[in-house]
Structure formats: structure tokens, C-alpha cells
Amino acid sequence: MFAENGHEAAMKRRQQMKFRRFIACEGAALAVLAPLVILGLTLDIGPALRWLMNIFTIAAAISAAVIPIVFYAVTPTLPELER
């Protein structure tokens, strides 16, 4: 009904870009985590390589858990004051 002003359109575009970056980062973390979990459960490898895979798997899991916190809790999108 009413046309959006430039400020509302810019805020909406900023939120959409933030969500797209979030999806890309979360997808990358899960793309690393899933193969490491599958390989860790199916392969019978030496203890040194298993230890290294465990470290990478734990790091990928932690990053997948921290990404939403960084995107939405640490840097919230606050509305600007109107003057």
C-alpha cells in the first residue's frame, strides 16, 4: 500500500545480507563437520591421524555452535533512532 522509504529498504536489505552470510558460514561449517564425522566413524586409521581428525571435528562442531551466537547475539541489529 505505502512505498517503503529509503531507510526501511536499506534496513531490510542489511538484514537479508546478514542472514545470507549466516547461512553461508553455517553451511561451510557443516560441510566440514559432516565428512569428518562420517570418516571418523567408518575408517580404521592410525592413532595419530585419528587424533588429528578428532581435533578438526571438535573445532568444526564448536564453530558451528558459535556462528549463530556471533551473528545474532554479539552483533544485534538495532533500530536507529528517528530524528
PDB file of N, CA and C in Angstrom:
ATOM      1  N   MET A   1       0.814  -1.162   0.000  1.00  0.00           N
ATOM      2  CA  MET A   1       0.000   0.000   0.000  1.00  0.00           C
ATOM      3  C   MET A   1       0.877   1.252   0.000  1.00  0.00           C
ATOM      4  N   PHE A   2       1.714   1.386   1.009  1.00  0.00           N
ATOM      5  CA  PHE A   2       2.617   2.520   1.090  1.00  0.00           C
ATOM      6  C   PHE A   2       3.996   2.108   0.603  1.00  0.00           C
ATOM      7  N   ALA A   3       4.647   2.990  -0.075  1.00  0.00           N
ATOM      8  CA  ALA A   3       6.008   2.716  -0.534  1.00  0.00           C
ATOM      9  C   ALA A   3       6.966   2.832   0.649  1.00  0.00           C
ATOM     10  N   GLU A   4       7.924   1.926   0.697  1.00  0.00           N
ATOM     11  CA  GLU A   4       8.916   1.982   1.763  1.00  0.00           C
ATOM     12  C   GLU A   4       9.863   3.139   1.502  1.00  0.00           C
ATOM     13  N   ASN A   5      10.251   3.790   2.563  1.00  0.00           N
ATOM     14  CA  ASN A   5      11.237   4.843   2.369  1.00  0.00           C
ATOM     15  C   ASN A   5      12.623   4.220   2.263  1.00  0.00           C
ATOM     16  N   GLY A   6      13.602   5.005   1.961  1.00  0.00           N
ATOM     17  CA  GLY A   6      14.957   4.501   1.739  1.00  0.00           C
ATOM     18  C   GLY A   6      15.562   3.846   2.969  1.00  0.00           C
ATOM     19  N   HIS A   7      15.239   4.367   4.151  1.00  0.00           N
ATOM     20  CA  HIS A   7      15.794   3.810   5.394  1.00  0.00           C
ATOM     21  C   HIS A   7      15.275   2.398   5.651  1.00  0.00           C
ATOM     22  N   GLU A   8      13.972   2.208   5.478  1.00  0.00           N
ATOM     23  CA  GLU A   8      13.390   0.879   5.710  1.00  0.00           C
ATOM     24  C   GLU A   8      13.915  -0.130   4.699  1.00  0.00           C
ATOM     25  N   ALA A   9      14.047   0.286   3.460  1.00  0.00           N
ATOM     26  CA  ALA A   9      14.567  -0.609   2.425  1.00  0.00           C
ATOM     27  C   ALA A   9      16.021  -0.981   2.710  1.00  0.00           C
ATOM     28  N   ALA A  10      16.806  -0.015   3.171  1.00  0.00           N
ATOM     29  CA  ALA A  10      18.215  -0.292   3.489  1.00  0.00           C
ATOM     30  C   ALA A  10      18.316  -1.244   4.672  1.00  0.00           C
ATOM     31  N   MET A  11      17.462  -1.067   5.690  1.00  0.00           N
ATOM     32  CA  MET A  11      17.498  -1.951   6.852  1.00  0.00           C
ATOM     33  C   MET A  11      17.086  -3.373   6.461  1.00  0.00           C
ATOM     34  N   LYS A  12      16.081  -3.486   5.627  1.00  0.00           N
ATOM     35  CA  LYS A  12      15.635  -4.812   5.181  1.00  0.00           C
ATOM     36  C   LYS A  12      16.726  -5.503   4.364  1.00  0.00           C
ATOM     37  N   ARG A  13      17.371  -4.740   3.493  1.00  0.00           N
ATOM     38  CA  ARG A  13      18.456  -5.294   2.673  1.00  0.00           C
ATOM     39  C   ARG A  13      19.630  -5.729   3.556  1.00  0.00           C
ATOM     40  N   ARG A  14      19.936  -4.942   4.603  1.00  0.00           N
ATOM     41  CA  ARG A  14      21.011  -5.286   5.533  1.00  0.00           C
ATOM     42  C   ARG A  14      20.696  -6.572   6.286  1.00  0.00           C
ATOM     43  N   GLN A  15      19.446  -6.738   6.711  1.00  0.00           N
ATOM     44  CA  GLN A  15      19.056  -7.952   7.415  1.00  0.00           C
ATOM     45  C   GLN A  15      19.127  -9.168   6.501  1.00  0.00           C
ATOM     46  N   GLN A  16      18.721  -8.996   5.241  1.00  0.00           N
ATOM     47  CA  GLN A  16      18.790 -10.100   4.298  1.00  0.00           C
ATOM     48  C   GLN A  16      20.233 -10.510   4.025  1.00  0.00           C
ATOM     49  N   MET A  17      21.126  -9.557   3.893  1.00  0.00           N
ATOM     50  CA  MET A  17      22.534  -9.875   3.663  1.00  0.00           C
ATOM     51  C   MET A  17      23.142 -10.547   4.884  1.00  0.00           C
ATOM     52  N   LYS A  18      22.749 -10.116   6.076  1.00  0.00           N
ATOM     53  CA  LYS A  18      23.250 -10.740   7.301  1.00  0.00           C
ATOM     54  C   LYS A  18      22.799 -12.195   7.370  1.00  0.00           C
ATOM     55  N   PHE A  19      21.550 -12.453   7.002  1.00  0.00           N
ATOM     56  CA  PHE A  19      21.036 -13.823   7.015  1.00  0.00           C
ATOM     57  C   PHE A  19      21.748 -14.678   5.966  1.00  0.00           C
ATOM     58  N   ARG A  20      21.995 -14.115   4.800  1.00  0.00           N
ATOM     59  CA  ARG A  20      22.713 -14.870   3.751  1.00  0.00           C
ATOM     60  C   ARG A  20      24.133 -15.208   4.184  1.00  0.00           C
ATOM     61  N   ARG A  21      24.820 -14.264   4.829  1.00  0.00           N
ATOM     62  CA  ARG A  21      26.169 -14.547   5.338  1.00  0.00           C
ATOM     63  C   ARG A  21      26.121 -15.623   6.416  1.00  0.00           C
ATOM     64  N   PHE A  22      25.100 -15.562   7.271  1.00  0.00           N
ATOM     65  CA  PHE A  22      24.939 -16.572   8.308  1.00  0.00           C
ATOM     66  C   PHE A  22      24.751 -17.961   7.688  1.00  0.00           C
ATOM     67  N   ILE A  23      23.883 -18.081   6.708  1.00  0.00           N
ATOM     68  CA  ILE A  23      23.639 -19.368   6.049  1.00  0.00           C
ATOM     69  C   ILE A  23      24.907 -19.868   5.373  1.00  0.00           C
ATOM     70  N   ALA A  24      25.662 -18.983   4.731  1.00  0.00           N
ATOM     71  CA  ALA A  24      26.899 -19.392   4.065  1.00  0.00           C
ATOM     72  C   ALA A  24      27.931 -19.893   5.077  1.00  0.00           C
ATOM     73  N   CYS A  25      28.090 -19.183   6.177  1.00  0.00           N
ATOM     74  CA  CYS A  25      29.068 -19.600   7.195  1.00  0.00           C
ATOM     75  C   CYS A  25      28.647 -20.895   7.872  1.00  0.00           C
ATOM     76  N   GLU A  26      27.373 -21.008   8.201  1.00  0.00           N
ATOM     77  CA  GLU A  26      26.884 -22.233   8.848  1.00  0.00           C
ATOM     78  C   GLU A  26      26.983 -23.420   7.888  1.00  0.00           C
ATOM     79  N   GLY A  27      26.684 -23.193   6.617  1.00  0.00           N
ATOM     80  CA  GLY A  27      26.811 -24.256   5.620  1.00  0.00           C
ATOM     81  C   GLY A  27      28.249 -24.721   5.458  1.00  0.00           C
ATOM     82  N   ALA A  28      29.180 -23.783   5.483  1.00  0.00           N
ATOM     83  CA  ALA A  28      30.598 -24.149   5.374  1.00  0.00           C
ATOM     84  C   ALA A  28      31.043 -24.962   6.581  1.00  0.00           C
ATOM     85  N   ALA A  29      30.603 -24.567   7.771  1.00  0.00           N
ATOM     86  CA  ALA A  29      30.976 -25.319   8.978  1.00  0.00           C
ATOM     87  C   ALA A  29      30.392 -26.729   8.944  1.00  0.00           C
ATOM     88  N   LEU A  30      29.154 -26.851   8.504  1.00  0.00           N
ATOM     89  CA  LEU A  30      28.537 -28.181   8.422  1.00  0.00           C
ATOM     90  C   LEU A  30      29.127 -29.009   7.285  1.00  0.00           C
ATOM     91  N   ALA A  31      29.559 -28.344   6.213  1.00  0.00           N
ATOM     92  CA  ALA A  31      30.196 -29.065   5.106  1.00  0.00           C
ATOM     93  C   ALA A  31      31.545 -29.651   5.520  1.00  0.00           C
ATOM     94  N   VAL A  32      32.200 -29.047   6.487  1.00  0.00           N
ATOM     95  CA  VAL A  32      33.446 -29.596   7.016  1.00  0.00           C
ATOM     96  C   VAL A  32      33.147 -30.657   8.073  1.00  0.00           C
ATOM     97  N   LEU A  33      32.139 -30.401   8.895  1.00  0.00           N
ATOM     98  CA  LEU A  33      31.833 -31.294  10.007  1.00  0.00           C
ATOM     99  C   LEU A  33      31.301 -32.652   9.547  1.00  0.00           C
ATOM    100  N   ALA A  34      30.379 -32.668   8.610  1.00  0.00           N
ATOM    101  CA  ALA A  34      29.738 -33.923   8.201  1.00  0.00           C
ATOM    102  C   ALA A  34      30.735 -34.951   7.645  1.00  0.00           C
ATOM    103  N   PRO A  35      31.611 -34.597   6.691  1.00  0.00           N
ATOM    104  CA  PRO A  35      32.562 -35.602   6.206  1.00  0.00           C
ATOM    105  C   PRO A  35      33.535 -36.087   7.283  1.00  0.00           C
ATOM    106  N   LEU A  36      33.940 -35.182   8.172  1.00  0.00           N
ATOM    107  CA  LEU A  36      34.851 -35.604   9.240  1.00  0.00           C
ATOM    108  C   LEU A  36      34.186 -36.616  10.167  1.00  0.00           C
ATOM    109  N   VAL A  37      32.923 -36.407  10.482  1.00  0.00           N
ATOM    110  CA  VAL A  37      32.204 -37.355  11.340  1.00  0.00           C
ATOM    111  C   VAL A  37      32.048 -38.695  10.618  1.00  0.00           C
ATOM    112  N   ILE A  38      31.676 -38.657   9.354  1.00  0.00           N
ATOM    113  CA  ILE A  38      31.492 -39.902   8.588  1.00  0.00           C
ATOM    114  C   ILE A  38      32.812 -40.655   8.475  1.00  0.00           C
ATOM    115  N   LEU A  39      33.888 -39.954   8.133  1.00  0.00           N
ATOM    116  CA  LEU A  39      35.187 -40.612   8.015  1.00  0.00           C
ATOM    117  C   LEU A  39      35.667 -41.141   9.367  1.00  0.00           C
ATOM    118  N   GLY A  40      35.428 -40.379  10.407  1.00  0.00           N
ATOM    119  CA  GLY A  40      35.857 -40.816  11.737  1.00  0.00           C
ATOM    120  C   GLY A  40      35.136 -42.069  12.202  1.00  0.00           C
ATOM    121  N   LEU A  41      33.887 -42.235  11.809  1.00  0.00           N
ATOM    122  CA  LEU A  41      33.118 -43.409  12.225  1.00  0.00           C
ATOM    123  C   LEU A  41      33.366 -44.628  11.345  1.00  0.00           C
ATOM    124  N   THR A  42      33.755 -44.424  10.091  1.00  0.00           N
ATOM    125  CA  THR A  42      33.867 -45.554   9.179  1.00  0.00           C
ATOM    126  C   THR A  42      35.295 -46.036   8.933  1.00  0.00           C
ATOM    127  N   LEU A  43      36.276 -45.166   9.011  1.00  0.00           N
ATOM    128  CA  LEU A  43      37.646 -45.565   8.686  1.00  0.00           C
ATOM    129  C   LEU A  43      38.363 -46.139   9.906  1.00  0.00           C
ATOM    130  N   ASP A  44      39.203 -47.121   9.641  1.00  0.00           N
ATOM    131  CA  ASP A  44      40.078 -47.661  10.677  1.00  0.00           C
ATOM    132  C   ASP A  44      41.487 -47.167  10.363  1.00  0.00           C
ATOM    133  N   ILE A  45      41.887 -46.105  11.051  1.00  0.00           N
ATOM    134  CA  ILE A  45      43.158 -45.447  10.761  1.00  0.00           C
ATOM    135  C   ILE A  45      44.033 -45.451  11.999  1.00  0.00           C
ATOM    136  N   GLY A  46      45.259 -45.027  11.812  1.00  0.00           N
ATOM    137  CA  GLY A  46      46.220 -44.995  12.914  1.00  0.00           C
ATOM    138  C   GLY A  46      45.850 -43.976  13.973  1.00  0.00           C
ATOM    139  N   PRO A  47      46.442 -44.114  15.146  1.00  0.00           N
ATOM    140  CA  PRO A  47      46.076 -43.222  16.255  1.00  0.00           C
ATOM    141  C   PRO A  47      46.438 -41.755  16.020  1.00  0.00           C
ATOM    142  N   ALA A  48      47.521 -41.484  15.325  1.00  0.00           N
ATOM    143  CA  ALA A  48      47.916 -40.093  15.086  1.00  0.00           C
ATOM    144  C   ALA A  48      46.909 -39.399  14.168  1.00  0.00           C
ATOM    145  N   LEU A  49      46.506 -40.069  13.101  1.00  0.00           N
ATOM    146  CA  LEU A  49      45.539 -39.483  12.183  1.00  0.00           C
ATOM    147  C   LEU A  49      44.155 -39.389  12.830  1.00  0.00           C
ATOM    148  N   ARG A  50      43.802 -40.362  13.636  1.00  0.00           N
ATOM    149  CA  ARG A  50      42.518 -40.320  14.344  1.00  0.00           C
ATOM    150  C   ARG A  50      42.495 -39.139  15.314  1.00  0.00           C
ATOM    151  N   TRP A  51      43.602 -38.900  16.001  1.00  0.00           N
ATOM    152  CA  TRP A  51      43.681 -37.776  16.921  1.00  0.00           C
ATOM    153  C   TRP A  51      43.514 -36.456  16.171  1.00  0.00           C
ATOM    154  N   LEU A  52      44.159 -36.342  15.018  1.00  0.00           N
ATOM    155  CA  LEU A  52      44.052 -35.138  14.205  1.00  0.00           C
ATOM    156  C   LEU A  52      42.623 -34.938  13.696  1.00  0.00           C
ATOM    157  N   MET A  53      41.991 -36.008  13.256  1.00  0.00           N
ATOM    158  CA  MET A  53      40.597 -35.913  12.799  1.00  0.00           C
ATOM    159  C   MET A  53      39.669 -35.527  13.942  1.00  0.00           C
ATOM    160  N   ASN A  54      39.935 -36.045  15.141  1.00  0.00           N
ATOM    161  CA  ASN A  54      39.113 -35.674  16.298  1.00  0.00           C
ATOM    162  C   ASN A  54      39.232 -34.180  16.603  1.00  0.00           C
ATOM    163  N   ILE A  55      40.446 -33.659  16.520  1.00  0.00           N
ATOM    164  CA  ILE A  55      40.659 -32.230  16.772  1.00  0.00           C
ATOM    165  C   ILE A  55      39.887 -31.395  15.756  1.00  0.00           C
ATOM    166  N   PHE A  56      39.995 -31.747  14.468  1.00  0.00           N
ATOM    167  CA  PHE A  56      39.277 -30.993  13.435  1.00  0.00           C
ATOM    168  C   PHE A  56      37.763 -31.123  13.580  1.00  0.00           C
ATOM    169  N   THR A  57      37.290 -32.296  13.970  1.00  0.00           N
ATOM    170  CA  THR A  57      35.855 -32.493  14.162  1.00  0.00           C
ATOM    171  C   THR A  57      35.342 -31.644  15.320  1.00  0.00           C
ATOM    172  N   ILE A  58      36.068 -31.617  16.407  1.00  0.00           N
ATOM    173  CA  ILE A  58      35.664 -30.810  17.560  1.00  0.00           C
ATOM    174  C   ILE A  58      35.698 -29.320  17.198  1.00  0.00           C
ATOM    175  N   ALA A  59      36.717 -28.896  16.474  1.00  0.00           N
ATOM    176  CA  ALA A  59      36.810 -27.488  16.068  1.00  0.00           C
ATOM    177  C   ALA A  59      35.653 -27.103  15.142  1.00  0.00           C
ATOM    178  N   ALA A  60      35.291 -27.983  14.214  1.00  0.00           N
ATOM    179  CA  ALA A  60      34.165 -27.699  13.311  1.00  0.00           C
ATOM    180  C   ALA A  60      32.846 -27.667  14.074  1.00  0.00           C
ATOM    181  N   ALA A  61      32.676 -28.548  15.047  1.00  0.00           N
ATOM    182  CA  ALA A  61      31.452 -28.554  15.840  1.00  0.00           C
ATOM    183  C   ALA A  61      31.347 -27.288  16.694  1.00  0.00           C
ATOM    184  N   ILE A  62      32.452 -26.868  17.271  1.00  0.00           N
ATOM    185  CA  ILE A  62      32.441 -25.641  18.077  1.00  0.00           C
ATOM    186  C   ILE A  62      32.128 -24.430  17.199  1.00  0.00           C
ATOM    187  N   SER A  63      32.737 -24.378  16.021  1.00  0.00           N
ATOM    188  CA  SER A  63      32.461 -23.236  15.139  1.00  0.00           C
ATOM    189  C   SER A  63      31.009 -23.241  14.666  1.00  0.00           C
ATOM    190  N   ALA A  64      30.435 -24.424  14.416  1.00  0.00           N
ATOM    191  CA  ALA A  64      29.030 -24.488  14.020  1.00  0.00           C
ATOM    192  C   ALA A  64      28.123 -24.029  15.152  1.00  0.00           C
ATOM    193  N   ALA A  65      28.534 -24.225  16.392  1.00  0.00           N
ATOM    194  CA  ALA A  65      27.732 -23.785  17.531  1.00  0.00           C
ATOM    195  C   ALA A  65      27.927 -22.305  17.834  1.00  0.00           C
ATOM    196  N   VAL A  66      29.093 -21.752  17.524  1.00  0.00           N
ATOM    197  CA  VAL A  66      29.397 -20.360  17.863  1.00  0.00           C
ATOM    198  C   VAL A  66      28.901 -19.387  16.788  1.00  0.00           C
ATOM    199  N   ILE A  67      28.796 -19.825  15.557  1.00  0.00           N
ATOM    200  CA  ILE A  67      28.396 -18.940  14.457  1.00  0.00           C
ATOM    201  C   ILE A  67      27.058 -18.241  14.731  1.00  0.00           C
ATOM    202  N   PRO A  68      25.999 -18.938  15.160  1.00  0.00           N
ATOM    203  CA  PRO A  68      24.750 -18.210  15.445  1.00  0.00           C
ATOM    204  C   PRO A  68      24.897 -17.180  16.559  1.00  0.00           C
ATOM    205  N   ILE A  69      25.730 -17.476  17.540  1.00  0.00           N
ATOM    206  CA  ILE A  69      25.942 -16.529  18.632  1.00  0.00           C
ATOM    207  C   ILE A  69      26.625 -15.276  18.107  1.00  0.00           C
ATOM    208  N   VAL A  70      27.621 -15.447  17.270  1.00  0.00           N
ATOM    209  CA  VAL A  70      28.349 -14.300  16.722  1.00  0.00           C
ATOM    210  C   VAL A  70      27.434 -13.452  15.841  1.00  0.00           C
ATOM    211  N   PHE A  71      26.613 -14.107  15.027  1.00  0.00           N
ATOM    212  CA  PHE A  71      25.773 -13.364  14.100  1.00  0.00           C
ATOM    213  C   PHE A  71      24.600 -12.674  14.776  1.00  0.00           C
ATOM    214  N   TYR A  72      24.000 -13.297  15.778  1.00  0.00           N
ATOM    215  CA  TYR A  72      22.749 -12.762  16.296  1.00  0.00           C
ATOM    216  C   TYR A  72      22.781 -12.306  17.747  1.00  0.00           C
ATOM    217  N   ALA A  73      23.744 -12.687  18.525  1.00  0.00           N
ATOM    218  CA  ALA A  73      23.777 -12.250  19.918  1.00  0.00           C
ATOM    219  C   ALA A  73      24.833 -11.181  20.157  1.00  0.00           C
ATOM    220  N   VAL A  74      25.993 -11.361  19.580  1.00  0.00           N
ATOM    221  CA  VAL A  74      27.087 -10.415  19.820  1.00  0.00           C
ATOM    222  C   VAL A  74      26.870  -9.120  19.042  1.00  0.00           C
ATOM    223  N   THR A  75      26.405  -9.217  17.805  1.00  0.00           N
ATOM    224  CA  THR A  75      26.205  -8.030  16.976  1.00  0.00           C
ATOM    225  C   THR A  75      24.741  -7.916  16.566  1.00  0.00           C
ATOM    226  N   PRO A  76      23.874  -7.506  17.487  1.00  0.00           N
ATOM    227  CA  PRO A  76      22.462  -7.400  17.129  1.00  0.00           C
ATOM    228  C   PRO A  76      22.207  -6.227  16.181  1.00  0.00           C
ATOM    229  N   THR A  77      21.161  -6.348  15.388  1.00  0.00           N
ATOM    230  CA  THR A  77      20.749  -5.270  14.501  1.00  0.00           C
ATOM    231  C   THR A  77      19.767  -4.404  15.277  1.00  0.00           C
ATOM    232  N   LEU A  78      20.223  -3.270  15.713  1.00  0.00           N
ATOM    233  CA  LEU A  78      19.394  -2.368  16.497  1.00  0.00           C
ATOM    234  C   LEU A  78      18.757  -1.317  15.587  1.00  0.00           C
ATOM    235  N   PRO A  79      17.515  -0.991  15.853  1.00  0.00           N
ATOM    236  CA  PRO A  79      16.903   0.084  15.033  1.00  0.00           C
ATOM    237  C   PRO A  79      17.544   1.420  15.372  1.00  0.00           C
ATOM    238  N   GLU A  80      17.682   2.244  14.365  1.00  0.00           N
ATOM    239  CA  GLU A  80      18.260   3.559  14.569  1.00  0.00           C
ATOM    240  C   GLU A  80      17.184   4.505  15.075  1.00  0.00           C
ATOM    241  N   LEU A  81      17.603   5.494  15.837  1.00  0.00           N
ATOM    242  CA  LEU A  81      16.664   6.494  16.351  1.00  0.00           C
ATOM    243  C   LEU A  81      16.218   7.432  15.247  1.00  0.00           C
ATOM    244  N   GLU A  82      14.948   7.739  15.246  1.00  0.00           N
ATOM    245  CA  GLU A  82      14.429   8.690  14.279  1.00  0.00           C
ATOM    246  C   GLU A  82      14.552  10.094  14.847  1.00  0.00           C
ATOM    247  N   ARG A  83      14.921  11.023  14.021  1.00  0.00           N
ATOM    248  CA  ARG A  83      15.085  12.405  14.482  1.00  0.00           C
ATOM    249  C   ARG A  83      14.059  13.273  13.843  1.00  0.00           C
TER     250      ARG A  83
END
